[in-house]
């Protein structure tokens, strides 16, 4: 069997990761859990609710393993941020479309044993679906990777622009749930995709209820 090749995180990535952790601690009073909330090895789908431009930062600071995020293709290809997206192995996606190339890239990354971090609701404003995009259910079934739900709770609404959101102090907490493992060989038909998507979104809602102290 051919060995699985996992890209190596270089010095620049490790430096930026430390800067991110420090910034999250100082600006957002965020402390990572004592133990990694993700399985130590193997592919993982990390799924979370999404209300702020800072959400990828706090997930990366607490997940315990380096997550790969999706980003809009126009951001990935911009002169200012392309170097960062490549350093962090971000996957570009065409927003508002069924981007088959992005799905294939995520499946390849999961096949290498990587962590793919997704926001099933979509964007903060555009292309948002509160009930969750069905693509997450398809990806979960197709990859067979365990799914770890998470919920990010900010103490107050975050600024609506990227620059202001990055620089505005606040307080945040991240709650992780137990991995969801799907039965192997489940068909990837629309019915099962919808059921899995609903199950993922319910797991996230359960974490939100725990955070707020309300009953499901």
C-alpha atoms as a PDB file:
ATOM      1  CA  UNK A   1       0.000   0.000   0.000  1.00  0.00           C
ATOM      2  CA  UNK A   2       1.269   3.462  -0.922  1.00  0.00           C
ATOM      3  CA  UNK A   3       1.942   5.699   2.107  1.00  0.00           C
ATOM      4  CA  UNK A   4      -0.498   8.565   2.674  1.00  0.00           C
ATOM      5  CA  UNK A   5       1.203  11.913   2.156  1.00  0.00           C
ATOM      6  CA  UNK A   6       0.127  14.639   4.556  1.00  0.00           C
ATOM      7  CA  UNK A   7       1.402  18.162   3.829  1.00  0.00           C
ATOM      8  CA  UNK A   8       3.855  19.419   6.422  1.00  0.00           C
ATOM      9  CA  UNK A   9       3.018  22.605   8.306  1.00  0.00           C
ATOM     10  CA  UNK A  10       6.123  24.723   7.916  1.00  0.00           C
ATOM     11  CA  UNK A  11       7.703  27.346  10.146  1.00  0.00           C
ATOM     12  CA  UNK A  12       5.447  30.136   8.865  1.00  0.00           C
ATOM     13  CA  UNK A  13       2.290  28.168   9.664  1.00  0.00           C
ATOM     14  CA  UNK A  14       3.508  27.284  13.149  1.00  0.00           C
ATOM     15  CA  UNK A  15       4.460  30.930  13.778  1.00  0.00           C
ATOM     16  CA  UNK A  16       1.050  32.188  12.634  1.00  0.00           C
ATOM     17  CA  UNK A  17      -0.660  29.522  14.731  1.00  0.00           C
ATOM     18  CA  UNK A  18       1.128  30.758  17.849  1.00  0.00           C
ATOM     19  CA  UNK A  19       0.270  34.369  17.006  1.00  0.00           C
ATOM     20  CA  UNK A  20      -3.367  33.376  16.546  1.00  0.00           C
ATOM     21  CA  UNK A  21      -3.492  31.578  19.907  1.00  0.00           C
ATOM     22  CA  UNK A  22      -1.921  34.573  21.641  1.00  0.00           C
ATOM     23  CA  UNK A  23      -4.307  37.011  19.945  1.00  0.00           C
ATOM     24  CA  UNK A  24      -7.321  34.894  20.924  1.00  0.00           C
ATOM     25  CA  UNK A  25      -6.121  34.771  24.519  1.00  0.00           C
ATOM     26  CA  UNK A  26      -5.493  38.516  24.774  1.00  0.00           C
ATOM     27  CA  UNK A  27      -8.364  39.888  22.697  1.00  0.00           C
ATOM     28  CA  UNK A  28     -11.069  37.291  23.318  1.00  0.00           C
ATOM     29  CA  UNK A  29     -10.093  35.749  26.695  1.00  0.00           C
ATOM     30  CA  UNK A  30      -9.992  32.334  25.025  1.00  0.00           C
ATOM     31  CA  UNK A  31      -8.154  29.424  26.596  1.00  0.00           C
ATOM     32  CA  UNK A  32      -7.836  26.112  24.743  1.00  0.00           C
ATOM     33  CA  UNK A  33      -9.161  22.944  26.429  1.00  0.00           C
ATOM     34  CA  UNK A  34      -6.694  20.843  28.388  1.00  0.00           C
ATOM     35  CA  UNK A  35      -7.283  17.931  26.021  1.00  0.00           C
ATOM     36  CA  UNK A  36      -7.867  17.978  22.285  1.00  0.00           C
ATOM     37  CA  UNK A  37     -11.603  17.757  21.548  1.00  0.00           C
ATOM     38  CA  UNK A  38     -10.849  15.918  18.286  1.00  0.00           C
ATOM     39  CA  UNK A  39      -9.651  12.368  17.693  1.00  0.00           C
ATOM     40  CA  UNK A  40      -5.860  12.424  17.854  1.00  0.00           C
ATOM     41  CA  UNK A  41      -5.374  10.976  14.381  1.00  0.00           C
ATOM     42  CA  UNK A  42      -7.331  10.301  11.236  1.00  0.00           C
ATOM     43  CA  UNK A  43      -9.814  12.353   9.226  1.00  0.00           C
ATOM     44  CA  UNK A  44     -12.282  14.602  11.048  1.00  0.00           C
ATOM     45  CA  UNK A  45     -15.130  16.824   9.945  1.00  0.00           C
ATOM     46  CA  UNK A  46     -15.290  19.715  12.417  1.00  0.00           C
ATOM     47  CA  UNK A  47     -18.644  21.504  12.087  1.00  0.00           C
ATOM     48  CA  UNK A  48     -19.711  24.642  13.913  1.00  0.00           C
ATOM     49  CA  UNK A  49     -22.266  27.414  14.027  1.00  0.00           C
ATOM     50  CA  UNK A  50     -21.106  30.708  12.536  1.00  0.00           C
ATOM     51  CA  UNK A  51     -21.824  34.290  13.562  1.00  0.00           C
ATOM     52  CA  UNK A  52     -18.497  36.144  13.320  1.00  0.00           C
ATOM     53  CA  UNK A  53     -15.490  36.618  11.067  1.00  0.00           C
ATOM     54  CA  UNK A  54     -13.433  35.554  14.100  1.00  0.00           C
ATOM     55  CA  UNK A  55     -14.920  32.063  14.237  1.00  0.00           C
ATOM     56  CA  UNK A  56     -12.144  30.372  12.199  1.00  0.00           C
ATOM     57  CA  UNK A  57      -9.568  31.931  14.532  1.00  0.00           C
ATOM     58  CA  UNK A  58     -11.132  30.530  17.682  1.00  0.00           C
ATOM     59  CA  UNK A  59     -11.688  27.079  16.182  1.00  0.00           C
ATOM     60  CA  UNK A  60      -8.060  26.934  15.054  1.00  0.00           C
ATOM     61  CA  UNK A  61      -6.944  28.014  18.534  1.00  0.00           C
ATOM     62  CA  UNK A  62      -8.939  25.332  20.365  1.00  0.00           C
ATOM     63  CA  UNK A  63      -9.223  22.316  18.050  1.00  0.00           C
ATOM     64  CA  UNK A  64      -5.879  20.814  19.042  1.00  0.00           C
ATOM     65  CA  UNK A  65      -5.131  19.861  15.431  1.00  0.00           C
ATOM     66  CA  UNK A  66      -4.635  22.141  12.408  1.00  0.00           C
ATOM     67  CA  UNK A  67      -7.978  22.536  10.620  1.00  0.00           C
ATOM     68  CA  UNK A  68      -8.391  23.276   6.920  1.00  0.00           C
ATOM     69  CA  UNK A  69     -11.081  25.856   6.144  1.00  0.00           C
ATOM     70  CA  UNK A  70     -12.954  26.782   3.003  1.00  0.00           C
ATOM     71  CA  UNK A  71     -12.628  30.329   1.754  1.00  0.00           C
ATOM     72  CA  UNK A  72     -14.242  32.267  -1.065  1.00  0.00           C
ATOM     73  CA  UNK A  73     -12.254  31.979  -4.274  1.00  0.00           C
ATOM     74  CA  UNK A  74     -11.989  35.757  -4.597  1.00  0.00           C
ATOM     75  CA  UNK A  75     -10.353  35.868  -1.166  1.00  0.00           C
ATOM     76  CA  UNK A  76      -8.043  32.950  -1.970  1.00  0.00           C
ATOM     77  CA  UNK A  77      -6.881  34.583  -5.192  1.00  0.00           C
ATOM     78  CA  UNK A  78      -6.473  38.106  -3.785  1.00  0.00           C
ATOM     79  CA  UNK A  79      -2.962  39.548  -3.795  1.00  0.00           C
ATOM     80  CA  UNK A  80      -3.181  40.432  -0.102  1.00  0.00           C
ATOM     81  CA  UNK A  81      -4.394  37.098   1.314  1.00  0.00           C
ATOM     82  CA  UNK A  82      -3.269  34.439  -1.168  1.00  0.00           C
ATOM     83  CA  UNK A  83      -0.058  33.750   0.750  1.00  0.00           C
ATOM     84  CA  UNK A  84      -1.999  33.217   3.976  1.00  0.00           C
ATOM     85  CA  UNK A  85      -4.546  30.930   2.333  1.00  0.00           C
ATOM     86  CA  UNK A  86      -1.812  28.783   0.823  1.00  0.00           C
ATOM     87  CA  UNK A  87       0.162  28.665   4.075  1.00  0.00           C
ATOM     88  CA  UNK A  88      -2.921  27.445   5.951  1.00  0.00           C
ATOM     89  CA  UNK A  89      -3.941  25.020   3.142  1.00  0.00           C
ATOM     90  CA  UNK A  90      -7.291  26.779   2.719  1.00  0.00           C
ATOM     91  CA  UNK A  91      -9.530  25.338  -0.010  1.00  0.00           C
ATOM     92  CA  UNK A  92     -11.053  27.897  -2.414  1.00  0.00           C
ATOM     93  CA  UNK A  93     -14.760  27.580  -3.172  1.00  0.00           C
ATOM     94  CA  UNK A  94     -17.090  29.350  -5.582  1.00  0.00           C
ATOM     95  CA  UNK A  95     -19.800  30.717  -3.305  1.00  0.00           C
ATOM     96  CA  UNK A  96     -23.432  30.147  -4.162  1.00  0.00           C
ATOM     97  CA  UNK A  97     -22.681  27.164  -6.423  1.00  0.00           C
ATOM     98  CA  UNK A  98     -22.214  23.412  -6.099  1.00  0.00           C
ATOM     99  CA  UNK A  99     -18.441  23.526  -6.378  1.00  0.00           C
ATOM    100  CA  UNK A 100     -17.449  19.965  -7.287  1.00  0.00           C
ATOM    101  CA  UNK A 101     -13.758  20.902  -7.290  1.00  0.00           C
ATOM    102  CA  UNK A 102     -13.912  22.073  -3.682  1.00  0.00           C
ATOM    103  CA  UNK A 103     -15.733  18.882  -2.620  1.00  0.00           C
ATOM    104  CA  UNK A 104     -13.069  16.751  -4.290  1.00  0.00           C
ATOM    105  CA  UNK A 105     -10.317  18.773  -2.597  1.00  0.00           C
ATOM    106  CA  UNK A 106     -11.963  18.205   0.802  1.00  0.00           C
ATOM    107  CA  UNK A 107     -12.316  14.482   0.159  1.00  0.00           C
ATOM    108  CA  UNK A 108      -8.636  14.269  -0.805  1.00  0.00           C
ATOM    109  CA  UNK A 109      -7.666  16.097   2.401  1.00  0.00           C
ATOM    110  CA  UNK A 110      -9.832  13.775   4.491  1.00  0.00           C
ATOM    111  CA  UNK A 111      -8.246  10.836   2.698  1.00  0.00           C
ATOM    112  CA  UNK A 112      -4.881  12.102   3.968  1.00  0.00           C
ATOM    113  CA  UNK A 113      -6.215  12.128   7.522  1.00  0.00           C
ATOM    114  CA  UNK A 114      -6.683  15.901   7.735  1.00  0.00           C
ATOM    115  CA  UNK A 115      -9.248  17.945   9.695  1.00  0.00           C
ATOM    116  CA  UNK A 116     -11.776  19.814   7.548  1.00  0.00           C
ATOM    117  CA  UNK A 117     -13.571  22.628   9.399  1.00  0.00           C
ATOM    118  CA  UNK A 118     -16.932  23.689   8.002  1.00  0.00           C
ATOM    119  CA  UNK A 119     -19.748  26.073   8.870  1.00  0.00           C
ATOM    120  CA  UNK A 120     -22.862  24.193   7.678  1.00  0.00           C
ATOM    121  CA  UNK A 121     -25.020  27.324   7.804  1.00  0.00           C
ATOM    122  CA  UNK A 122     -22.804  28.940   5.173  1.00  0.00           C
ATOM    123  CA  UNK A 123     -21.791  32.578   5.395  1.00  0.00           C
ATOM    124  CA  UNK A 124     -22.675  35.140   8.035  1.00  0.00           C
ATOM    125  CA  UNK A 125     -24.966  37.019   5.666  1.00  0.00           C
ATOM    126  CA  UNK A 126     -24.838  35.766   2.079  1.00  0.00           C
ATOM    127  CA  UNK A 127     -25.562  32.156   1.093  1.00  0.00           C
ATOM    128  CA  UNK A 128     -26.721  31.366   4.640  1.00  0.00           C
ATOM    129  CA  UNK A 129     -29.088  28.488   5.425  1.00  0.00           C
ATOM    130  CA  UNK A 130     -30.093  28.123   9.072  1.00  0.00           C
ATOM    131  CA  UNK A 131     -31.124  24.507   8.473  1.00  0.00           C
ATOM    132  CA  UNK A 132     -27.663  23.670   7.117  1.00  0.00           C
ATOM    133  CA  UNK A 133     -26.390  23.134   3.587  1.00  0.00           C
ATOM    134  CA  UNK A 134     -26.885  19.571   2.368  1.00  0.00           C
ATOM    135  CA  UNK A 135     -23.283  19.454   1.172  1.00  0.00           C
ATOM    136  CA  UNK A 136     -22.139  18.724   4.730  1.00  0.00           C
ATOM    137  CA  UNK A 137     -24.313  15.611   4.842  1.00  0.00           C
ATOM    138  CA  UNK A 138     -22.958  14.430   1.502  1.00  0.00           C
ATOM    139  CA  UNK A 139     -19.369  15.017   2.579  1.00  0.00           C
ATOM    140  CA  UNK A 140     -19.905  13.146   5.844  1.00  0.00           C
ATOM    141  CA  UNK A 141     -21.413  10.127   4.094  1.00  0.00           C
ATOM    142  CA  UNK A 142     -18.945  10.102   1.219  1.00  0.00           C
ATOM    143  CA  UNK A 143     -15.854  10.367   3.420  1.00  0.00           C
ATOM    144  CA  UNK A 144     -17.003   8.262   6.369  1.00  0.00           C
ATOM    145  CA  UNK A 145     -15.031  10.616   8.635  1.00  0.00           C
ATOM    146  CA  UNK A 146     -16.202  11.140  12.227  1.00  0.00           C
ATOM    147  CA  UNK A 147     -18.037  14.438  12.708  1.00  0.00           C
ATOM    148  CA  UNK A 148     -17.241  16.625  15.694  1.00  0.00           C
ATOM    149  CA  UNK A 149     -19.841  19.363  16.373  1.00  0.00           C
ATOM    150  CA  UNK A 150     -18.895  22.650  17.996  1.00  0.00           C
ATOM    151  CA  UNK A 151     -20.662  25.810  19.115  1.00  0.00           C
ATOM    152  CA  UNK A 152     -19.042  29.246  19.417  1.00  0.00           C
ATOM    153  CA  UNK A 153     -20.615  31.686  21.888  1.00  0.00           C
ATOM    154  CA  UNK A 154     -19.629  35.378  21.906  1.00  0.00           C
ATOM    155  CA  UNK A 155     -20.542  37.658  24.782  1.00  0.00           C
ATOM    156  CA  UNK A 156     -22.025  40.229  22.385  1.00  0.00           C
ATOM    157  CA  UNK A 157     -22.655  40.638  18.640  1.00  0.00           C
ATOM    158  CA  UNK A 158     -19.434  41.051  16.670  1.00  0.00           C
ATOM    159  CA  UNK A 159     -18.741  43.922  14.221  1.00  0.00           C
ATOM    160  CA  UNK A 160     -20.022  43.250  10.694  1.00  0.00           C
ATOM    161  CA  UNK A 161     -16.712  43.846   8.902  1.00  0.00           C
ATOM    162  CA  UNK A 162     -13.545  41.737   8.895  1.00  0.00           C
ATOM    163  CA  UNK A 163     -11.124  44.469   9.987  1.00  0.00           C
ATOM    164  CA  UNK A 164     -13.216  45.741  12.886  1.00  0.00           C
ATOM    165  CA  UNK A 165     -14.088  42.228  13.995  1.00  0.00           C
ATOM    166  CA  UNK A 166     -10.425  41.197  14.183  1.00  0.00           C
ATOM    167  CA  UNK A 167      -9.443  44.184  16.316  1.00  0.00           C
ATOM    168  CA  UNK A 168     -12.485  44.489  18.592  1.00  0.00           C
ATOM    169  CA  UNK A 169     -11.969  42.831  22.011  1.00  0.00           C
ATOM    170  CA  UNK A 170     -14.610  40.515  23.390  1.00  0.00           C
ATOM    171  CA  UNK A 171     -15.119  37.251  25.200  1.00  0.00           C
ATOM    172  CA  UNK A 172     -15.791  33.909  23.554  1.00  0.00           C
ATOM    173  CA  UNK A 173     -16.205  30.287  24.543  1.00  0.00           C
ATOM    174  CA  UNK A 174     -16.158  27.172  22.366  1.00  0.00           C
ATOM    175  CA  UNK A 175     -18.031  24.017  23.308  1.00  0.00           C
ATOM    176  CA  UNK A 176     -17.278  20.724  21.547  1.00  0.00           C
ATOM    177  CA  UNK A 177     -19.494  17.653  21.351  1.00  0.00           C
ATOM    178  CA  UNK A 178     -18.763  13.958  21.105  1.00  0.00           C
ATOM    179  CA  UNK A 179     -17.825  12.626  17.648  1.00  0.00           C
ATOM    180  CA  UNK A 180     -20.672  11.390  15.475  1.00  0.00           C
ATOM    181  CA  UNK A 181     -19.746   8.178  13.662  1.00  0.00           C
ATOM    182  CA  UNK A 182     -22.009   7.161  10.799  1.00  0.00           C
ATOM    183  CA  UNK A 183     -22.666   3.511   9.859  1.00  0.00           C
ATOM    184  CA  UNK A 184     -20.244   2.495   7.101  1.00  0.00           C
ATOM    185  CA  UNK A 185     -21.664   1.954   3.663  1.00  0.00           C
ATOM    186  CA  UNK A 186     -24.703   4.228   4.100  1.00  0.00           C
ATOM    187  CA  UNK A 187     -25.920   5.197   0.602  1.00  0.00           C
ATOM    188  CA  UNK A 188     -25.353   8.834  -0.398  1.00  0.00           C
ATOM    189  CA  UNK A 189     -28.896   9.378  -1.642  1.00  0.00           C
ATOM    190  CA  UNK A 190     -30.811  12.580  -0.961  1.00  0.00           C
ATOM    191  CA  UNK A 191     -32.836  11.053   1.879  1.00  0.00           C
ATOM    192  CA  UNK A 192     -29.772   9.967   3.842  1.00  0.00           C
ATOM    193  CA  UNK A 193     -27.940  13.204   3.055  1.00  0.00           C
ATOM    194  CA  UNK A 194     -30.877  15.163   4.482  1.00  0.00           C
ATOM    195  CA  UNK A 195     -31.045  12.942   7.583  1.00  0.00           C
ATOM    196  CA  UNK A 196     -27.317  13.318   8.277  1.00  0.00           C
ATOM    197  CA  UNK A 197     -27.437  17.084   7.748  1.00  0.00           C
ATOM    198  CA  UNK A 198     -30.351  17.342  10.199  1.00  0.00           C
ATOM    199  CA  UNK A 199     -28.463  15.208  12.722  1.00  0.00           C
ATOM    200  CA  UNK A 200     -25.384  17.430  12.466  1.00  0.00           C
ATOM    201  CA  UNK A 201     -27.387  20.617  12.865  1.00  0.00           C
ATOM    202  CA  UNK A 202     -29.259  19.162  15.851  1.00  0.00           C
ATOM    203  CA  UNK A 203     -25.933  18.300  17.520  1.00  0.00           C
ATOM    204  CA  UNK A 204     -24.850  21.917  17.102  1.00  0.00           C
ATOM    205  CA  UNK A 205     -28.166  23.179  18.500  1.00  0.00           C
ATOM    206  CA  UNK A 206     -27.796  20.868  21.497  1.00  0.00           C
ATOM    207  CA  UNK A 207     -24.426  22.476  22.239  1.00  0.00           C
ATOM    208  CA  UNK A 208     -25.973  25.933  21.907  1.00  0.00           C
ATOM    209  CA  UNK A 209     -28.637  24.943  24.428  1.00  0.00           C
ATOM    210  CA  UNK A 210     -25.978  23.674  26.834  1.00  0.00           C
ATOM    211  CA  UNK A 211     -24.131  26.955  26.485  1.00  0.00           C
ATOM    212  CA  UNK A 212     -27.222  29.005  27.250  1.00  0.00           C
ATOM    213  CA  UNK A 213     -28.425  26.638  29.966  1.00  0.00           C
ATOM    214  CA  UNK A 214     -31.727  25.868  28.253  1.00  0.00           C
ATOM    215  CA  UNK A 215     -33.275  22.495  27.568  1.00  0.00           C
ATOM    216  CA  UNK A 216     -33.445  21.143  23.982  1.00  0.00           C
END
